[in-house]
Amino acid sequence: MSSTPSRRRFMQSMPALAAIFGLSAAQAAEPAKPAVVAAPAKKERFPGDPPEHHIVYQINHAEAEYIEHILNSISAMLTKYEDNVAIAVVVFGSGIHLLAKKPKRDIPELLRQRVKAQATDYGVKYIACGNTMKTVGWDKKDMLDFAQIEEVGAAAIMELQEQGYAYLAW
């Protein structure tokens, strides 16, 4: 069975369809051209404008490889978004040693230097869990100067999410 009669009827109906859409018969018979979609205009930002992107990480282990992966991700975010991203890192559990002046776990000095540079040079907020600090027997004086302390690390993550931060856990 041939489909020629169906095609013929369809082609014969083109002038009527064209009229419905306000086109000439020739325009209706032209093959459709792909739509050209312009890239959205990049929103102009000025120094000091609030960032459009927000992300909160957690560090809850003291293993160097684990911490390094997270710091690499933070560096990648800073490279991609520059000053257009707010980054917070909530540190609890054995990860708390990363923010201690005298950690009780083996944290490589290079990782500690990277954390300090991210905090002081790029505004990454490092938040220490007060509950974990109490468990270890530490208070504010035991933590690096740039470390912010929140009573409950999990609550800090939740509150940042409520403020629009995306949550990334490793």
C-alpha atoms as a PDB file:
ATOM      1  CA  MET A   1       0.000   0.000   0.000  1.00  0.00           C
ATOM      2  CA  SER A   2       1.449   3.326  -1.056  1.00  0.00           C
ATOM      3  CA  SER A   3       1.446   6.425   1.062  1.00  0.00           C
ATOM      4  CA  THR A   4       1.347   8.684  -2.021  1.00  0.00           C
ATOM      5  CA  PRO A   5      -2.368   9.590  -1.664  1.00  0.00           C
ATOM      6  CA  SER A   6      -1.778  10.650   1.956  1.00  0.00           C
ATOM      7  CA  ARG A   7       1.186  12.794   0.997  1.00  0.00           C
ATOM      8  CA  ARG A   8      -0.711  14.278  -1.912  1.00  0.00           C
ATOM      9  CA  ARG A   9      -3.622  15.239   0.349  1.00  0.00           C
ATOM     10  CA  PHE A  10      -1.197  16.726   2.865  1.00  0.00           C
ATOM     11  CA  MET A  11       0.619  18.760   0.217  1.00  0.00           C
ATOM     12  CA  GLN A  12      -2.696  19.948  -1.216  1.00  0.00           C
ATOM     13  CA  SER A  13      -3.693  21.198   2.220  1.00  0.00           C
ATOM     14  CA  MET A  14      -0.558  23.381   2.534  1.00  0.00           C
ATOM     15  CA  PRO A  15      -2.176  26.541   1.095  1.00  0.00           C
ATOM     16  CA  ALA A  16      -4.981  26.271   3.653  1.00  0.00           C
ATOM     17  CA  LEU A  17      -2.522  25.704   6.515  1.00  0.00           C
ATOM     18  CA  ALA A  18      -0.377  28.571   5.283  1.00  0.00           C
ATOM     19  CA  ALA A  19      -3.367  30.886   5.303  1.00  0.00           C
ATOM     20  CA  ILE A  20      -4.197  29.925   8.882  1.00  0.00           C
ATOM     21  CA  PHE A  21      -0.674  30.914   9.974  1.00  0.00           C
ATOM     22  CA  GLY A  22      -0.432  33.966   7.736  1.00  0.00           C
ATOM     23  CA  LEU A  23       2.110  32.455   5.348  1.00  0.00           C
ATOM     24  CA  SER A  24       2.216  32.217   1.599  1.00  0.00           C
ATOM     25  CA  ALA A  25       2.036  28.744   0.070  1.00  0.00           C
ATOM     26  CA  ALA A  26       5.728  29.033  -0.880  1.00  0.00           C
ATOM     27  CA  GLN A  27       6.700  29.880   2.710  1.00  0.00           C
ATOM     28  CA  ALA A  28       4.693  26.929   4.021  1.00  0.00           C
ATOM     29  CA  ALA A  29       6.403  24.548   1.574  1.00  0.00           C
ATOM     30  CA  GLU A  30       9.937  25.667   2.621  1.00  0.00           C
ATOM     31  CA  PRO A  31      11.732  23.288   4.937  1.00  0.00           C
ATOM     32  CA  ALA A  32      11.936  24.482   8.493  1.00  0.00           C
ATOM     33  CA  LYS A  33      15.148  26.282   9.393  1.00  0.00           C
ATOM     34  CA  PRO A  34      16.746  25.492  12.695  1.00  0.00           C
ATOM     35  CA  ALA A  35      16.079  28.132  15.292  1.00  0.00           C
ATOM     36  CA  VAL A  36      19.097  30.153  16.281  1.00  0.00           C
ATOM     37  CA  VAL A  37      19.154  30.472  20.013  1.00  0.00           C
ATOM     38  CA  ALA A  38      21.320  33.277  21.287  1.00  0.00           C
ATOM     39  CA  ALA A  39      23.288  32.622  24.432  1.00  0.00           C
ATOM     40  CA  PRO A  40      21.755  34.467  27.338  1.00  0.00           C
ATOM     41  CA  ALA A  41      23.434  37.774  27.921  1.00  0.00           C
ATOM     42  CA  LYS A  42      25.891  37.592  30.770  1.00  0.00           C
ATOM     43  CA  LYS A  43      24.535  39.585  33.649  1.00  0.00           C
ATOM     44  CA  GLU A  44      26.779  42.531  34.347  1.00  0.00           C
ATOM     45  CA  ARG A  45      28.268  42.401  37.805  1.00  0.00           C
ATOM     46  CA  PHE A  46      30.222  45.015  39.642  1.00  0.00           C
ATOM     47  CA  PRO A  47      32.814  44.632  42.404  1.00  0.00           C
ATOM     48  CA  GLY A  48      31.010  44.075  45.667  1.00  0.00           C
ATOM     49  CA  ASP A  49      27.824  42.707  44.073  1.00  0.00           C
ATOM     50  CA  PRO A  50      26.516  39.706  45.998  1.00  0.00           C
ATOM     51  CA  PRO A  51      27.379  36.362  44.405  1.00  0.00           C
ATOM     52  CA  GLU A  52      24.739  34.550  42.390  1.00  0.00           C
ATOM     53  CA  HIS A  53      26.001  31.094  43.377  1.00  0.00           C
ATOM     54  CA  HIS A  54      26.206  29.581  46.886  1.00  0.00           C
ATOM     55  CA  ILE A  55      27.575  26.220  47.959  1.00  0.00           C
ATOM     56  CA  VAL A  56      28.301  24.576  51.293  1.00  0.00           C
ATOM     57  CA  TYR A  57      30.690  21.646  51.660  1.00  0.00           C
ATOM     58  CA  GLN A  58      31.236  19.422  54.661  1.00  0.00           C
ATOM     59  CA  ILE A  59      34.527  18.014  55.854  1.00  0.00           C
ATOM     60  CA  ASN A  60      33.978  15.270  58.397  1.00  0.00           C
ATOM     61  CA  HIS A  61      37.067  13.081  57.945  1.00  0.00           C
ATOM     62  CA  ALA A  62      40.755  13.739  58.591  1.00  0.00           C
ATOM     63  CA  GLU A  63      42.218  11.639  55.758  1.00  0.00           C
ATOM     64  CA  ALA A  64      44.479  13.769  53.571  1.00  0.00           C
ATOM     65  CA  GLU A  65      43.184  12.371  50.258  1.00  0.00           C
ATOM     66  CA  TYR A  66      39.575  13.076  51.249  1.00  0.00           C
ATOM     67  CA  ILE A  67      40.366  16.658  52.296  1.00  0.00           C
ATOM     68  CA  GLU A  68      42.418  17.235  49.153  1.00  0.00           C
ATOM     69  CA  HIS A  69      39.493  16.222  46.917  1.00  0.00           C
ATOM     70  CA  ILE A  70      37.255  18.768  48.613  1.00  0.00           C
ATOM     71  CA  LEU A  71      39.876  21.526  48.457  1.00  0.00           C
ATOM     72  CA  ASN A  72      40.372  20.768  44.748  1.00  0.00           C
ATOM     73  CA  SER A  73      36.635  21.100  44.188  1.00  0.00           C
ATOM     74  CA  ILE A  74      36.603  24.423  46.033  1.00  0.00           C
ATOM     75  CA  SER A  75      39.516  25.636  43.885  1.00  0.00           C
ATOM     76  CA  ALA A  76      37.661  24.599  40.733  1.00  0.00           C
ATOM     77  CA  MET A  77      34.565  26.518  41.864  1.00  0.00           C
ATOM     78  CA  LEU A  78      36.670  29.625  42.530  1.00  0.00           C
ATOM     79  CA  THR A  79      38.303  29.284  39.106  1.00  0.00           C
ATOM     80  CA  LYS A  80      34.976  28.909  37.322  1.00  0.00           C
ATOM     81  CA  TYR A  81      32.920  31.518  39.179  1.00  0.00           C
ATOM     82  CA  GLU A  82      35.664  33.830  40.512  1.00  0.00           C
ATOM     83  CA  ASP A  83      33.948  36.309  42.844  1.00  0.00           C
ATOM     84  CA  ASN A  84      30.482  35.146  41.796  1.00  0.00           C
ATOM     85  CA  VAL A  85      30.296  32.274  44.288  1.00  0.00           C
ATOM     86  CA  ALA A  86      29.952  32.164  48.059  1.00  0.00           C
ATOM     87  CA  ILE A  87      31.557  29.071  49.547  1.00  0.00           C
ATOM     88  CA  ALA A  88      31.178  27.772  53.086  1.00  0.00           C
ATOM     89  CA  VAL A  89      32.797  24.665  54.515  1.00  0.00           C
ATOM     90  CA  VAL A  90      31.384  23.141  57.690  1.00  0.00           C
ATOM     91  CA  VAL A  91      33.977  21.057  59.516  1.00  0.00           C
ATOM     92  CA  PHE A  92      33.022  18.461  62.123  1.00  0.00           C
ATOM     93  CA  GLY A  93      33.860  14.959  63.298  1.00  0.00           C
ATOM     94  CA  SER A  94      37.505  14.031  62.767  1.00  0.00           C
ATOM     95  CA  GLY A  95      37.708  16.729  60.078  1.00  0.00           C
ATOM     96  CA  ILE A  96      37.805  19.318  62.900  1.00  0.00           C
ATOM     97  CA  HIS A  97      41.574  18.764  63.184  1.00  0.00           C
ATOM     98  CA  LEU A  98      41.988  20.647  59.885  1.00  0.00           C
ATOM     99  CA  LEU A  99      41.031  23.900  61.642  1.00  0.00           C
ATOM    100  CA  ALA A 100      42.970  23.354  64.876  1.00  0.00           C
ATOM    101  CA  LYS A 101      46.140  25.247  65.713  1.00  0.00           C
ATOM    102  CA  LYS A 102      47.581  21.991  67.091  1.00  0.00           C
ATOM    103  CA  PRO A 103      45.703  19.122  65.457  1.00  0.00           C
ATOM    104  CA  LYS A 104      45.685  15.769  67.240  1.00  0.00           C
ATOM    105  CA  ARG A 105      45.509  13.954  63.887  1.00  0.00           C
ATOM    106  CA  ASP A 106      48.078  13.985  61.105  1.00  0.00           C
ATOM    107  CA  ILE A 107      46.930  16.761  58.763  1.00  0.00           C
ATOM    108  CA  PRO A 108      49.510  17.662  56.073  1.00  0.00           C
ATOM    109  CA  GLU A 109      50.763  21.238  56.407  1.00  0.00           C
ATOM    110  CA  LEU A 110      50.156  21.864  52.697  1.00  0.00           C
ATOM    111  CA  LEU A 111      46.416  21.214  53.163  1.00  0.00           C
ATOM    112  CA  ARG A 112      46.330  23.542  56.171  1.00  0.00           C
ATOM    113  CA  GLN A 113      48.056  26.246  54.081  1.00  0.00           C
ATOM    114  CA  ARG A 114      45.536  25.809  51.255  1.00  0.00           C
ATOM    115  CA  VAL A 115      42.632  26.151  53.700  1.00  0.00           C
ATOM    116  CA  LYS A 116      44.137  29.326  55.139  1.00  0.00           C
ATOM    117  CA  ALA A 117      44.704  30.779  51.651  1.00  0.00           C
ATOM    118  CA  GLN A 118      41.143  29.967  50.566  1.00  0.00           C
ATOM    119  CA  ALA A 119      39.783  31.651  53.683  1.00  0.00           C
ATOM    120  CA  THR A 120      41.982  34.735  53.711  1.00  0.00           C
ATOM    121  CA  ASP A 121      42.497  35.314  49.969  1.00  0.00           C
ATOM    122  CA  TYR A 122      39.152  34.145  48.525  1.00  0.00           C
ATOM    123  CA  GLY A 123      36.649  34.574  51.341  1.00  0.00           C
ATOM    124  CA  VAL A 124      35.812  30.901  51.770  1.00  0.00           C
ATOM    125  CA  LYS A 125      34.100  30.554  55.159  1.00  0.00           C
ATOM    126  CA  TYR A 126      35.395  27.699  57.284  1.00  0.00           C
ATOM    127  CA  ILE A 127      32.946  26.868  60.054  1.00  0.00           C
ATOM    128  CA  ALA A 128      33.956  24.624  62.955  1.00  0.00           C
ATOM    129  CA  CYS A 129      31.358  22.593  64.826  1.00  0.00           C
ATOM    130  CA  GLY A 130      31.270  23.656  68.479  1.00  0.00           C
ATOM    131  CA  ASN A 131      29.928  20.289  69.610  1.00  0.00           C
ATOM    132  CA  THR A 132      32.848  18.459  68.002  1.00  0.00           C
ATOM    133  CA  MET A 133      35.272  20.955  69.553  1.00  0.00           C
ATOM    134  CA  LYS A 134      33.793  20.260  73.009  1.00  0.00           C
ATOM    135  CA  THR A 135      34.184  16.531  72.437  1.00  0.00           C
ATOM    136  CA  VAL A 136      37.888  17.017  71.677  1.00  0.00           C
ATOM    137  CA  GLY A 137      38.264  19.504  74.553  1.00  0.00           C
ATOM    138  CA  TRP A 138      38.907  22.590  72.420  1.00  0.00           C
ATOM    139  CA  ASP A 139      37.518  26.130  72.429  1.00  0.00           C
ATOM    140  CA  LYS A 140      38.028  29.209  70.226  1.00  0.00           C
ATOM    141  CA  LYS A 141      41.659  29.744  71.271  1.00  0.00           C
ATOM    142  CA  ASP A 142      42.540  26.281  69.942  1.00  0.00           C
ATOM    143  CA  MET A 143      41.246  27.017  66.460  1.00  0.00           C
ATOM    144  CA  LEU A 144      42.855  28.862  63.554  1.00  0.00           C
ATOM    145  CA  ASP A 145      42.017  32.574  63.604  1.00  0.00           C
ATOM    146  CA  PHE A 146      39.867  32.556  60.457  1.00  0.00           C
ATOM    147  CA  ALA A 147      37.691  29.642  61.658  1.00  0.00           C
ATOM    148  CA  GLN A 148      34.149  30.619  62.555  1.00  0.00           C
ATOM    149  CA  ILE A 149      32.494  28.549  65.241  1.00  0.00           C
ATOM    150  CA  GLU A 150      28.868  27.445  65.229  1.00  0.00           C
ATOM    151  CA  GLU A 151      27.393  25.528  68.125  1.00  0.00           C
ATOM    152  CA  VAL A 152      26.072  22.714  65.915  1.00  0.00           C
ATOM    153  CA  GLY A 153      27.734  22.010  62.571  1.00  0.00           C
ATOM    154  CA  ALA A 154      24.723  20.174  61.136  1.00  0.00           C
ATOM    155  CA  ALA A 155      22.512  23.141  62.031  1.00  0.00           C
ATOM    156  CA  ALA A 156      24.947  25.455  60.230  1.00  0.00           C
ATOM    157  CA  ILE A 157      24.601  23.339  57.076  1.00  0.00           C
ATOM    158  CA  MET A 158      20.808  23.384  57.365  1.00  0.00           C
ATOM    159  CA  GLU A 159      20.686  27.157  57.882  1.00  0.00           C
ATOM    160  CA  LEU A 160      22.973  27.762  54.910  1.00  0.00           C
ATOM    161  CA  GLN A 161      20.692  25.599  52.779  1.00  0.00           C
ATOM    162  CA  GLU A 162      17.735  27.663  53.960  1.00  0.00           C
ATOM    163  CA  GLN A 163      19.640  30.719  52.697  1.00  0.00           C
ATOM    164  CA  GLY A 164      19.957  29.157  49.240  1.00  0.00           C
ATOM    165  CA  TYR A 165      23.283  27.344  49.509  1.00  0.00           C
ATOM    166  CA  ALA A 166      23.564  24.091  47.566  1.00  0.00           C
ATOM    167  CA  TYR A 167      24.835  21.257  49.783  1.00  0.00           C
ATOM    168  CA  LEU A 168      27.693  19.062  48.602  1.00  0.00           C
ATOM    169  CA  ALA A 169      28.818  16.113  50.698  1.00  0.00           C
ATOM    170  CA  TRP A 170      31.678  13.752  49.897  1.00  0.00           C
END
